[in-house]
Amino acid sequence: MMTKQYELATFAGGCFWCMVKPFDELPGIHNVVSGYSGGHVENPTYEQVKTGTTGHYEVVQITFDPDVFPYEKLLSLYWPQIDPTDAEGQFFDRGPQYRAAIFYHNDKQKQAAQKSKQELIVSGQFNKPIVTEILPASPFYEAEEYHQHFYKKNPEKYKQERVESGRDAFIAEHWAQETK
């Protein structure tokens, strides 16, 4: 019997609390884990990452079945979660740890990410440059347990965070057609 081959996708989109739910519990998505990636500190803690000095981004790492949920479909779900024109963070979360980025795990993902970014640029949907970076995957460090699936553990705080941060308003204004 052949073993199922899952792949990884790693996305940074500001606060990782808000990046889990859009991908979680969809057919073909095996797991979504909050964590840190892209920095120079091994095994960082949230307390270290939130200072903005570790080089790490808050990310979600998604384990998915590409036969059921292709990487391109993940990208089309990723873009409407972020402000791709903001190089300084996302919404009210400011600092390098909150920047948006796509971390690719292979050349196929790199090409798909570059293509999707180029399509967004050409679409003219935004009147500012698209600055979301496309970077090679680097070591991933799982965040502390209390950060995992925060939207399920603390639904009211999660909803409040999305509203107060400006994320929901931005998505409604700029991505309404993609999220329907």
N, C-alpha and C. Protein backbone atom coordinates (compact mmCIF):
# COMPACT_ATOMS: atom_id res chain seq x y z
N MET A 1 0.84 -1.18 0.00
CA MET A 1 0.00 0.00 0.00
C MET A 1 0.88 1.24 0.00
N MET A 2 0.50 2.22 -0.81
CA MET A 2 1.28 3.44 -0.93
C MET A 2 0.90 4.44 0.17
N THR A 3 1.92 5.06 0.77
CA THR A 3 1.68 6.05 1.81
C THR A 3 1.32 7.39 1.16
N LYS A 4 0.35 8.08 1.75
CA LYS A 4 -0.08 9.38 1.25
C LYS A 4 1.05 10.38 1.41
N GLN A 5 1.29 11.17 0.37
CA GLN A 5 2.34 12.17 0.41
C GLN A 5 1.75 13.55 0.69
N TYR A 6 1.97 14.05 1.88
CA TYR A 6 1.56 15.40 2.22
C TYR A 6 2.68 16.37 1.92
N GLU A 7 2.32 17.62 1.75
CA GLU A 7 3.31 18.69 1.55
C GLU A 7 3.09 19.74 2.63
N LEU A 8 4.08 20.62 2.76
CA LEU A 8 4.00 21.74 3.70
C LEU A 8 3.87 23.05 2.93
N ALA A 9 3.12 23.96 3.51
CA ALA A 9 3.05 25.35 3.03
C ALA A 9 3.25 26.21 4.26
N THR A 10 4.03 27.28 4.13
CA THR A 10 4.28 28.17 5.26
C THR A 10 3.98 29.59 4.85
N PHE A 11 3.07 30.23 5.60
CA PHE A 11 2.64 31.59 5.28
C PHE A 11 2.74 32.49 6.51
N ALA A 12 3.23 33.69 6.30
CA ALA A 12 3.22 34.73 7.32
C ALA A 12 2.19 35.77 6.89
N GLY A 13 1.36 36.16 7.83
CA GLY A 13 0.32 37.14 7.51
C GLY A 13 -0.07 37.98 8.71
N GLY A 14 0.95 38.39 9.46
CA GLY A 14 0.65 39.12 10.69
C GLY A 14 0.43 38.14 11.82
N CYS A 15 -0.41 38.52 12.75
CA CYS A 15 -0.69 37.69 13.92
C CYS A 15 -1.13 36.29 13.49
N PHE A 16 -0.40 35.28 13.97
CA PHE A 16 -0.74 33.92 13.53
C PHE A 16 -2.09 33.45 14.06
N TRP A 17 -2.61 34.07 15.11
CA TRP A 17 -3.94 33.71 15.60
C TRP A 17 -4.98 33.84 14.49
N CYS A 18 -4.81 34.88 13.66
CA CYS A 18 -5.81 35.16 12.62
C CYS A 18 -5.56 34.39 11.33
N MET A 19 -4.46 33.66 11.25
CA MET A 19 -4.11 32.98 10.01
C MET A 19 -4.45 31.48 10.03
N VAL A 20 -4.88 30.96 11.16
CA VAL A 20 -5.17 29.53 11.24
C VAL A 20 -6.55 29.21 10.68
N LYS A 21 -7.57 29.90 11.17
CA LYS A 21 -8.96 29.54 10.84
C LYS A 21 -9.25 29.49 9.34
N PRO A 22 -8.75 30.45 8.53
CA PRO A 22 -9.09 30.38 7.10
C PRO A 22 -8.65 29.08 6.41
N PHE A 23 -7.63 28.42 6.95
CA PHE A 23 -7.11 27.20 6.33
C PHE A 23 -7.57 25.93 7.05
N ASP A 24 -7.98 26.08 8.29
CA ASP A 24 -8.27 24.94 9.14
C ASP A 24 -9.56 24.24 8.73
N GLU A 25 -9.54 22.93 8.88
CA GLU A 25 -10.73 22.09 8.70
C GLU A 25 -11.31 22.11 7.28
N LEU A 26 -10.47 22.32 6.30
CA LEU A 26 -10.90 22.22 4.90
C LEU A 26 -10.48 20.86 4.35
N PRO A 27 -11.22 20.32 3.39
CA PRO A 27 -10.84 19.03 2.81
C PRO A 27 -9.42 19.11 2.23
N GLY A 28 -8.60 18.15 2.60
CA GLY A 28 -7.23 18.12 2.10
C GLY A 28 -6.23 18.82 3.00
N ILE A 29 -6.70 19.56 3.99
CA ILE A 29 -5.80 20.19 4.95
C ILE A 29 -5.68 19.24 6.13
N HIS A 30 -4.49 18.74 6.35
CA HIS A 30 -4.26 17.76 7.41
C HIS A 30 -4.01 18.43 8.76
N ASN A 31 -3.30 19.58 8.75
CA ASN A 31 -2.95 20.24 10.01
C ASN A 31 -2.54 21.68 9.74
N VAL A 32 -2.82 22.57 10.69
CA VAL A 32 -2.36 23.96 10.63
C VAL A 32 -1.76 24.28 11.99
N VAL A 33 -0.48 24.68 11.98
CA VAL A 33 0.25 24.90 13.22
C VAL A 33 0.80 26.32 13.22
N SER A 34 0.60 27.03 14.34
CA SER A 34 1.19 28.37 14.51
C SER A 34 2.64 28.21 14.95
N GLY A 35 3.49 29.10 14.43
CA GLY A 35 4.90 29.02 14.80
C GLY A 35 5.70 30.21 14.33
N TYR A 36 7.00 30.00 14.29
CA TYR A 36 7.95 31.05 13.94
C TYR A 36 8.91 30.51 12.89
N SER A 37 9.27 31.39 11.95
CA SER A 37 10.21 30.99 10.91
C SER A 37 10.89 32.21 10.33
N GLY A 38 12.05 31.99 9.72
CA GLY A 38 12.74 33.05 9.00
C GLY A 38 13.79 33.78 9.79
N GLY A 39 13.98 33.42 11.05
CA GLY A 39 14.90 34.17 11.89
C GLY A 39 16.21 33.46 12.18
N HIS A 40 16.98 34.07 13.08
CA HIS A 40 18.31 33.57 13.40
C HIS A 40 18.43 32.97 14.80
N VAL A 41 17.35 32.93 15.55
CA VAL A 41 17.36 32.37 16.91
C VAL A 41 16.76 30.97 16.86
N GLU A 42 17.49 29.99 17.40
CA GLU A 42 16.98 28.63 17.44
C GLU A 42 15.98 28.49 18.58
N ASN A 43 14.91 27.74 18.33
CA ASN A 43 13.88 27.47 19.33
C ASN A 43 13.40 28.73 20.05
N PRO A 44 12.97 29.74 19.30
CA PRO A 44 12.56 30.98 19.94
C PRO A 44 11.25 30.82 20.72
N THR A 45 11.08 31.66 21.70
CA THR A 45 9.82 31.72 22.44
C THR A 45 9.01 32.90 21.90
N TYR A 46 7.74 32.90 22.23
CA TYR A 46 6.89 34.02 21.85
C TYR A 46 7.44 35.32 22.45
N GLU A 47 7.90 35.26 23.68
CA GLU A 47 8.44 36.45 24.34
C GLU A 47 9.63 37.01 23.55
N GLN A 48 10.45 36.14 22.98
CA GLN A 48 11.58 36.59 22.16
C GLN A 48 11.12 37.15 20.82
N VAL A 49 10.23 36.41 20.14
CA VAL A 49 9.79 36.81 18.80
C VAL A 49 9.04 38.13 18.84
N LYS A 50 8.21 38.34 19.85
CA LYS A 50 7.40 39.56 19.88
C LYS A 50 8.24 40.83 20.04
N THR A 51 9.52 40.70 20.40
CA THR A 51 10.40 41.87 20.48
C THR A 51 10.79 42.38 19.09
N GLY A 52 10.65 41.52 18.08
CA GLY A 52 11.03 41.91 16.72
C GLY A 52 12.51 41.83 16.46
N THR A 53 13.28 41.23 17.36
CA THR A 53 14.74 41.19 17.21
C THR A 53 15.30 39.83 16.79
N THR A 54 14.43 38.82 16.65
CA THR A 54 14.91 37.47 16.33
C THR A 54 14.99 37.21 14.83
N GLY A 55 14.40 38.09 14.03
CA GLY A 55 14.32 37.87 12.59
C GLY A 55 13.17 36.97 12.19
N HIS A 56 12.50 36.36 13.16
CA HIS A 56 11.40 35.44 12.85
C HIS A 56 10.12 36.18 12.50
N TYR A 57 9.34 35.55 11.67
CA TYR A 57 7.98 35.96 11.35
C TYR A 57 7.05 35.06 12.16
N GLU A 58 5.88 35.57 12.55
CA GLU A 58 4.83 34.68 13.02
C GLU A 58 4.24 34.04 11.77
N VAL A 59 4.17 32.71 11.75
CA VAL A 59 3.72 31.99 10.57
C VAL A 59 2.72 30.90 10.94
N VAL A 60 2.05 30.42 9.92
CA VAL A 60 1.31 29.16 10.04
C VAL A 60 1.95 28.18 9.06
N GLN A 61 2.12 26.96 9.54
CA GLN A 61 2.61 25.90 8.67
C GLN A 61 1.47 24.91 8.46
N ILE A 62 1.16 24.72 7.20
CA ILE A 62 0.01 23.92 6.80
C ILE A 62 0.50 22.61 6.19
N THR A 63 0.01 21.50 6.70
CA THR A 63 0.27 20.19 6.11
C THR A 63 -0.96 19.86 5.27
N PHE A 64 -0.73 19.64 3.98
CA PHE A 64 -1.87 19.47 3.08
C PHE A 64 -1.63 18.36 2.08
N ASP A 65 -2.73 17.86 1.54
CA ASP A 65 -2.71 16.84 0.50
C ASP A 65 -2.86 17.57 -0.84
N PRO A 66 -1.79 17.66 -1.63
CA PRO A 66 -1.87 18.43 -2.88
C PRO A 66 -2.84 17.84 -3.90
N ASP A 67 -3.20 16.58 -3.76
CA ASP A 67 -4.16 15.99 -4.68
C ASP A 67 -5.58 16.45 -4.37
N VAL A 68 -5.83 16.84 -3.13
CA VAL A 68 -7.16 17.29 -2.71
C VAL A 68 -7.23 18.81 -2.65
N PHE A 69 -6.16 19.43 -2.16
CA PHE A 69 -6.12 20.88 -1.98
C PHE A 69 -4.79 21.38 -2.55
N PRO A 70 -4.73 21.66 -3.85
CA PRO A 70 -3.47 22.05 -4.49
C PRO A 70 -2.87 23.33 -3.87
N TYR A 71 -1.56 23.46 -3.97
CA TYR A 71 -0.85 24.62 -3.43
C TYR A 71 -1.41 25.93 -4.00
N GLU A 72 -1.76 25.93 -5.27
CA GLU A 72 -2.32 27.14 -5.89
C GLU A 72 -3.61 27.57 -5.19
N LYS A 73 -4.40 26.60 -4.74
CA LYS A 73 -5.63 26.92 -4.02
C LYS A 73 -5.30 27.52 -2.65
N LEU A 74 -4.23 27.04 -2.01
CA LEU A 74 -3.78 27.63 -0.75
C LEU A 74 -3.38 29.09 -0.97
N LEU A 75 -2.66 29.35 -2.07
CA LEU A 75 -2.26 30.73 -2.38
C LEU A 75 -3.47 31.63 -2.59
N SER A 76 -4.47 31.10 -3.29
CA SER A 76 -5.66 31.93 -3.54
C SER A 76 -6.44 32.18 -2.26
N LEU A 77 -6.27 31.36 -1.26
CA LEU A 77 -6.87 31.58 0.04
C LEU A 77 -5.99 32.48 0.92
N TYR A 78 -4.68 32.41 0.73
CA TYR A 78 -3.73 33.22 1.51
C TYR A 78 -3.87 34.71 1.23
N TRP A 79 -3.80 35.10 -0.03
CA TRP A 79 -3.75 36.53 -0.38
C TRP A 79 -4.89 37.33 0.25
N PRO A 80 -6.14 36.86 0.23
CA PRO A 80 -7.22 37.66 0.81
C PRO A 80 -7.23 37.74 2.34
N GLN A 81 -6.22 37.15 3.00
CA GLN A 81 -6.13 37.26 4.45
C GLN A 81 -5.24 38.42 4.88
N ILE A 82 -4.55 39.05 3.92
CA ILE A 82 -3.50 40.01 4.28
C ILE A 82 -3.67 41.34 3.52
N ASP A 83 -2.87 42.32 3.94
CA ASP A 83 -2.66 43.54 3.17
C ASP A 83 -1.31 43.37 2.48
N PRO A 84 -1.30 43.01 1.21
CA PRO A 84 -0.04 42.72 0.52
C PRO A 84 0.79 43.97 0.22
N THR A 85 0.28 45.15 0.57
CA THR A 85 1.01 46.40 0.31
C THR A 85 1.74 46.92 1.55
N ASP A 86 1.66 46.22 2.66
CA ASP A 86 2.22 46.69 3.92
C ASP A 86 3.51 45.94 4.25
N ALA A 87 4.64 46.63 4.20
CA ALA A 87 5.94 46.02 4.46
C ALA A 87 6.35 46.13 5.93
N GLU A 88 5.55 46.78 6.74
CA GLU A 88 5.94 47.05 8.13
C GLU A 88 5.16 46.22 9.15
N GLY A 89 4.32 45.31 8.70
CA GLY A 89 3.50 44.50 9.59
C GLY A 89 2.16 44.27 8.95
N GLN A 90 1.18 43.90 9.75
CA GLN A 90 -0.17 43.68 9.24
C GLN A 90 -1.17 44.28 10.21
N PHE A 91 -1.94 45.22 9.68
CA PHE A 91 -3.02 45.85 10.44
C PHE A 91 -2.43 46.51 11.68
N PHE A 92 -2.98 46.31 12.88
CA PHE A 92 -2.41 47.03 14.02
C PHE A 92 -1.19 46.33 14.62
N ASP A 93 -0.81 45.19 14.06
CA ASP A 93 0.41 44.50 14.50
C ASP A 93 1.58 45.01 13.67
N ARG A 94 2.46 45.75 14.33
CA ARG A 94 3.57 46.39 13.63
C ARG A 94 4.88 45.72 14.02
N GLY A 95 5.82 45.70 13.11
CA GLY A 95 7.13 45.15 13.39
C GLY A 95 7.46 44.02 12.44
N PRO A 96 8.75 43.69 12.37
CA PRO A 96 9.19 42.67 11.40
C PRO A 96 8.59 41.29 11.63
N GLN A 97 8.23 40.98 12.86
CA GLN A 97 7.64 39.67 13.15
C GLN A 97 6.23 39.52 12.59
N TYR A 98 5.63 40.63 12.19
CA TYR A 98 4.26 40.61 11.67
C TYR A 98 4.17 40.86 10.16
N ARG A 99 5.31 40.88 9.49
CA ARG A 99 5.28 41.07 8.03
C ARG A 99 4.66 39.87 7.34
N ALA A 100 4.13 40.12 6.16
CA ALA A 100 3.56 39.05 5.35
C ALA A 100 4.64 38.46 4.45
N ALA A 101 4.62 37.14 4.30
CA ALA A 101 5.57 36.46 3.41
C ALA A 101 5.04 35.07 3.08
N ILE A 102 5.45 34.60 1.93
CA ILE A 102 5.20 33.22 1.53
C ILE A 102 6.56 32.52 1.57
N PHE A 103 6.66 31.46 2.37
CA PHE A 103 7.88 30.67 2.44
C PHE A 103 7.68 29.41 1.60
N TYR A 104 8.43 29.29 0.52
CA TYR A 104 8.26 28.14 -0.37
C TYR A 104 9.17 26.99 0.05
N HIS A 105 8.67 25.76 -0.17
CA HIS A 105 9.39 24.55 0.23
C HIS A 105 10.03 23.83 -0.95
N ASN A 106 9.73 24.26 -2.17
CA ASN A 106 10.34 23.65 -3.36
C ASN A 106 10.18 24.61 -4.54
N ASP A 107 10.80 24.28 -5.65
CA ASP A 107 10.76 25.16 -6.82
C ASP A 107 9.34 25.32 -7.37
N LYS A 108 8.56 24.25 -7.32
CA LYS A 108 7.18 24.34 -7.81
C LYS A 108 6.40 25.37 -6.99
N GLN A 109 6.55 25.34 -5.67
CA GLN A 109 5.87 26.33 -4.83
C GLN A 109 6.40 27.73 -5.10
N LYS A 110 7.70 27.86 -5.29
CA LYS A 110 8.29 29.18 -5.58
C LYS A 110 7.68 29.76 -6.85
N GLN A 111 7.61 28.95 -7.89
CA GLN A 111 7.06 29.41 -9.17
C GLN A 111 5.58 29.77 -9.03
N ALA A 112 4.83 28.95 -8.30
CA ALA A 112 3.39 29.21 -8.11
C ALA A 112 3.20 30.50 -7.31
N ALA A 113 4.01 30.70 -6.28
CA ALA A 113 3.90 31.91 -5.46
C ALA A 113 4.24 33.15 -6.28
N GLN A 114 5.32 33.07 -7.05
CA GLN A 114 5.70 34.21 -7.90
C GLN A 114 4.62 34.51 -8.92
N LYS A 115 4.04 33.47 -9.50
CA LYS A 115 2.98 33.66 -10.49
C LYS A 115 1.76 34.31 -9.84
N SER A 116 1.37 33.85 -8.67
CA SER A 116 0.19 34.42 -8.01
C SER A 116 0.44 35.87 -7.60
N LYS A 117 1.65 36.18 -7.18
CA LYS A 117 1.98 37.57 -6.82
C LYS A 117 1.94 38.45 -8.07
N GLN A 118 2.48 37.95 -9.17
CA GLN A 118 2.47 38.71 -10.41
C GLN A 118 1.04 38.95 -10.90
N GLU A 119 0.19 37.94 -10.78
CA GLU A 119 -1.22 38.10 -11.16
C GLU A 119 -1.90 39.17 -10.32
N LEU A 120 -1.56 39.22 -9.03
CA LEU A 120 -2.13 40.25 -8.16
C LEU A 120 -1.63 41.63 -8.57
N ILE A 121 -0.36 41.74 -8.90
CA ILE A 121 0.21 43.02 -9.35
C ILE A 121 -0.51 43.49 -10.61
N VAL A 122 -0.61 42.60 -11.59
CA VAL A 122 -1.20 42.93 -12.88
C VAL A 122 -2.69 43.26 -12.76
N SER A 123 -3.35 42.68 -11.76
CA SER A 123 -4.79 42.90 -11.59
C SER A 123 -5.14 44.36 -11.33
N GLY A 124 -4.19 45.11 -10.78
CA GLY A 124 -4.45 46.50 -10.46
C GLY A 124 -5.39 46.67 -9.28
N GLN A 125 -5.59 45.62 -8.53
CA GLN A 125 -6.51 45.65 -7.39
C GLN A 125 -6.05 46.64 -6.32
N PHE A 126 -4.75 46.84 -6.21
CA PHE A 126 -4.20 47.78 -5.22
C PHE A 126 -3.46 48.89 -5.95
N ASN A 127 -3.56 50.11 -5.40
CA ASN A 127 -2.86 51.22 -6.04
C ASN A 127 -1.50 51.48 -5.41
N LYS A 128 -1.06 50.60 -4.51
CA LYS A 128 0.27 50.64 -3.94
C LYS A 128 1.00 49.36 -4.34
N PRO A 129 2.33 49.37 -4.30
CA PRO A 129 3.09 48.17 -4.69
C PRO A 129 2.78 46.96 -3.79
N ILE A 130 2.81 45.80 -4.38
CA ILE A 130 2.65 44.53 -3.64
C ILE A 130 4.04 44.19 -3.10
N VAL A 131 4.17 44.18 -1.78
CA VAL A 131 5.49 44.03 -1.14
C VAL A 131 5.66 42.71 -0.40
N THR A 132 4.66 41.86 -0.40
CA THR A 132 4.76 40.57 0.27
C THR A 132 5.93 39.80 -0.34
N GLU A 133 6.83 39.34 0.54
CA GLU A 133 8.02 38.64 0.07
C GLU A 133 7.74 37.16 -0.19
N ILE A 134 8.52 36.60 -1.10
CA ILE A 134 8.51 35.17 -1.38
C ILE A 134 9.91 34.69 -1.04
N LEU A 135 10.00 33.85 -0.01
CA LEU A 135 11.29 33.48 0.58
C LEU A 135 11.42 31.96 0.67
N PRO A 136 12.67 31.46 0.64
CA PRO A 136 12.84 30.02 0.84
C PRO A 136 12.46 29.64 2.27
N ALA A 137 11.85 28.48 2.43
CA ALA A 137 11.49 28.00 3.76
C ALA A 137 12.76 27.83 4.59
N SER A 138 12.63 28.16 5.85
CA SER A 138 13.73 27.98 6.80
C SER A 138 13.18 27.19 7.98
N PRO A 139 14.01 26.86 8.95
CA PRO A 139 13.49 26.06 10.06
C PRO A 139 12.23 26.67 10.67
N PHE A 140 11.30 25.79 10.97
CA PHE A 140 10.02 26.16 11.57
C PHE A 140 10.04 25.71 13.03
N TYR A 141 9.63 26.63 13.88
CA TYR A 141 9.55 26.34 15.31
C TYR A 141 8.10 26.51 15.75
N GLU A 142 7.54 25.45 16.29
CA GLU A 142 6.14 25.47 16.73
C GLU A 142 5.99 26.44 17.90
N ALA A 143 4.94 27.25 17.84
CA ALA A 143 4.65 28.18 18.93
C ALA A 143 4.12 27.41 20.14
N GLU A 144 4.10 28.10 21.25
CA GLU A 144 3.62 27.53 22.49
C GLU A 144 2.18 27.05 22.33
N GLU A 145 1.80 26.07 23.12
CA GLU A 145 0.49 25.43 23.00
C GLU A 145 -0.67 26.43 23.09
N TYR A 146 -0.56 27.43 23.94
CA TYR A 146 -1.69 28.36 24.08
C TYR A 146 -1.94 29.18 22.82
N HIS A 147 -1.00 29.20 21.89
CA HIS A 147 -1.21 29.89 20.61
C HIS A 147 -1.88 28.99 19.56
N GLN A 148 -1.86 27.69 19.77
CA GLN A 148 -2.39 26.76 18.77
C GLN A 148 -3.92 26.81 18.76
N HIS A 149 -4.48 26.97 17.55
CA HIS A 149 -5.93 27.00 17.34
C HIS A 149 -6.62 27.97 18.31
N PHE A 150 -6.02 29.13 18.42
CA PHE A 150 -6.52 30.16 19.34
C PHE A 150 -7.98 30.49 19.07
N TYR A 151 -8.37 30.48 17.80
CA TYR A 151 -9.76 30.83 17.46
C TYR A 151 -10.77 29.86 18.08
N LYS A 152 -10.34 28.64 18.34
CA LYS A 152 -11.24 27.66 18.98
C LYS A 152 -11.20 27.80 20.51
N LYS A 153 -10.02 28.04 21.04
CA LYS A 153 -9.86 28.11 22.50
C LYS A 153 -10.41 29.40 23.09
N ASN A 154 -10.32 30.49 22.34
CA ASN A 154 -10.73 31.82 22.82
C ASN A 154 -11.54 32.53 21.74
N PRO A 155 -12.71 32.01 21.39
CA PRO A 155 -13.46 32.55 20.25
C PRO A 155 -13.82 34.03 20.38
N GLU A 156 -14.17 34.48 21.55
CA GLU A 156 -14.54 35.90 21.71
C GLU A 156 -13.32 36.80 21.53
N LYS A 157 -12.20 36.45 22.15
CA LYS A 157 -10.97 37.25 22.00
C LYS A 157 -10.49 37.22 20.55
N TYR A 158 -10.63 36.08 19.90
CA TYR A 158 -10.25 35.96 18.50
C TYR A 158 -11.08 36.92 17.63
N LYS A 159 -12.40 36.91 17.81
CA LYS A 159 -13.26 37.81 17.04
C LYS A 159 -12.93 39.26 17.32
N GLN A 160 -12.71 39.59 18.58
CA GLN A 160 -12.36 40.95 18.98
C GLN A 160 -11.05 41.39 18.32
N GLU A 161 -10.06 40.51 18.31
CA GLU A 161 -8.76 40.79 17.70
C GLU A 161 -8.91 41.11 16.22
N ARG A 162 -9.70 40.33 15.52
CA ARG A 162 -9.89 40.55 14.08
C ARG A 162 -10.55 41.90 13.80
N VAL A 163 -11.52 42.27 14.61
CA VAL A 163 -12.21 43.55 14.42
C VAL A 163 -11.30 44.71 14.81
N GLU A 164 -10.74 44.67 16.03
CA GLU A 164 -9.93 45.78 16.52
C GLU A 164 -8.67 46.01 15.70
N SER A 165 -8.12 44.95 15.14
CA SER A 165 -6.89 45.08 14.36
C SER A 165 -7.12 45.79 13.03
N GLY A 166 -8.37 45.80 12.56
CA GLY A 166 -8.68 46.34 11.25
C GLY A 166 -8.64 45.30 10.14
N ARG A 167 -8.29 44.06 10.50
CA ARG A 167 -8.18 42.99 9.50
C ARG A 167 -9.51 42.75 8.79
N ASP A 168 -10.58 42.57 9.57
CA ASP A 168 -11.88 42.27 8.96
C ASP A 168 -12.36 43.40 8.05
N ALA A 169 -12.18 44.65 8.50
CA ALA A 169 -12.60 45.79 7.68
C ALA A 169 -11.80 45.85 6.39
N PHE A 170 -10.49 45.63 6.47
CA PHE A 170 -9.64 45.65 5.28
C PHE A 170 -10.07 44.56 4.30
N ILE A 171 -10.28 43.36 4.82
CA ILE A 171 -10.67 42.24 3.96
C ILE A 171 -12.01 42.54 3.28
N ALA A 172 -12.96 43.06 4.05
CA ALA A 172 -14.27 43.39 3.48
C ALA A 172 -14.15 44.44 2.37
N GLU A 173 -13.28 45.41 2.58
CA GLU A 173 -13.13 46.50 1.59
C GLU A 173 -12.34 46.07 0.36
N HIS A 174 -11.26 45.32 0.55
CA HIS A 174 -10.34 45.04 -0.55
C HIS A 174 -10.47 43.66 -1.17
N TRP A 175 -11.06 42.73 -0.44
CA TRP A 175 -11.08 41.35 -0.93
C TRP A 175 -12.49 40.77 -0.99
N ALA A 176 -13.51 41.57 -0.89
CA ALA A 176 -14.88 41.08 -0.78
C ALA A 176 -15.22 40.02 -1.84
N GLN A 177 -14.85 40.26 -3.08
CA GLN A 177 -15.21 39.32 -4.14
C GLN A 177 -14.47 37.98 -3.99
N GLU A 178 -13.25 37.99 -3.43
CA GLU A 178 -12.48 36.74 -3.28
C GLU A 178 -12.98 35.89 -2.13
N THR A 179 -13.58 36.51 -1.12
CA THR A 179 -13.95 35.75 0.07
C THR A 179 -15.39 35.26 0.03
N LYS A 180 -16.11 35.48 -1.05
CA LYS A 180 -17.49 35.00 -1.15
C LYS A 180 -17.54 33.64 -1.78
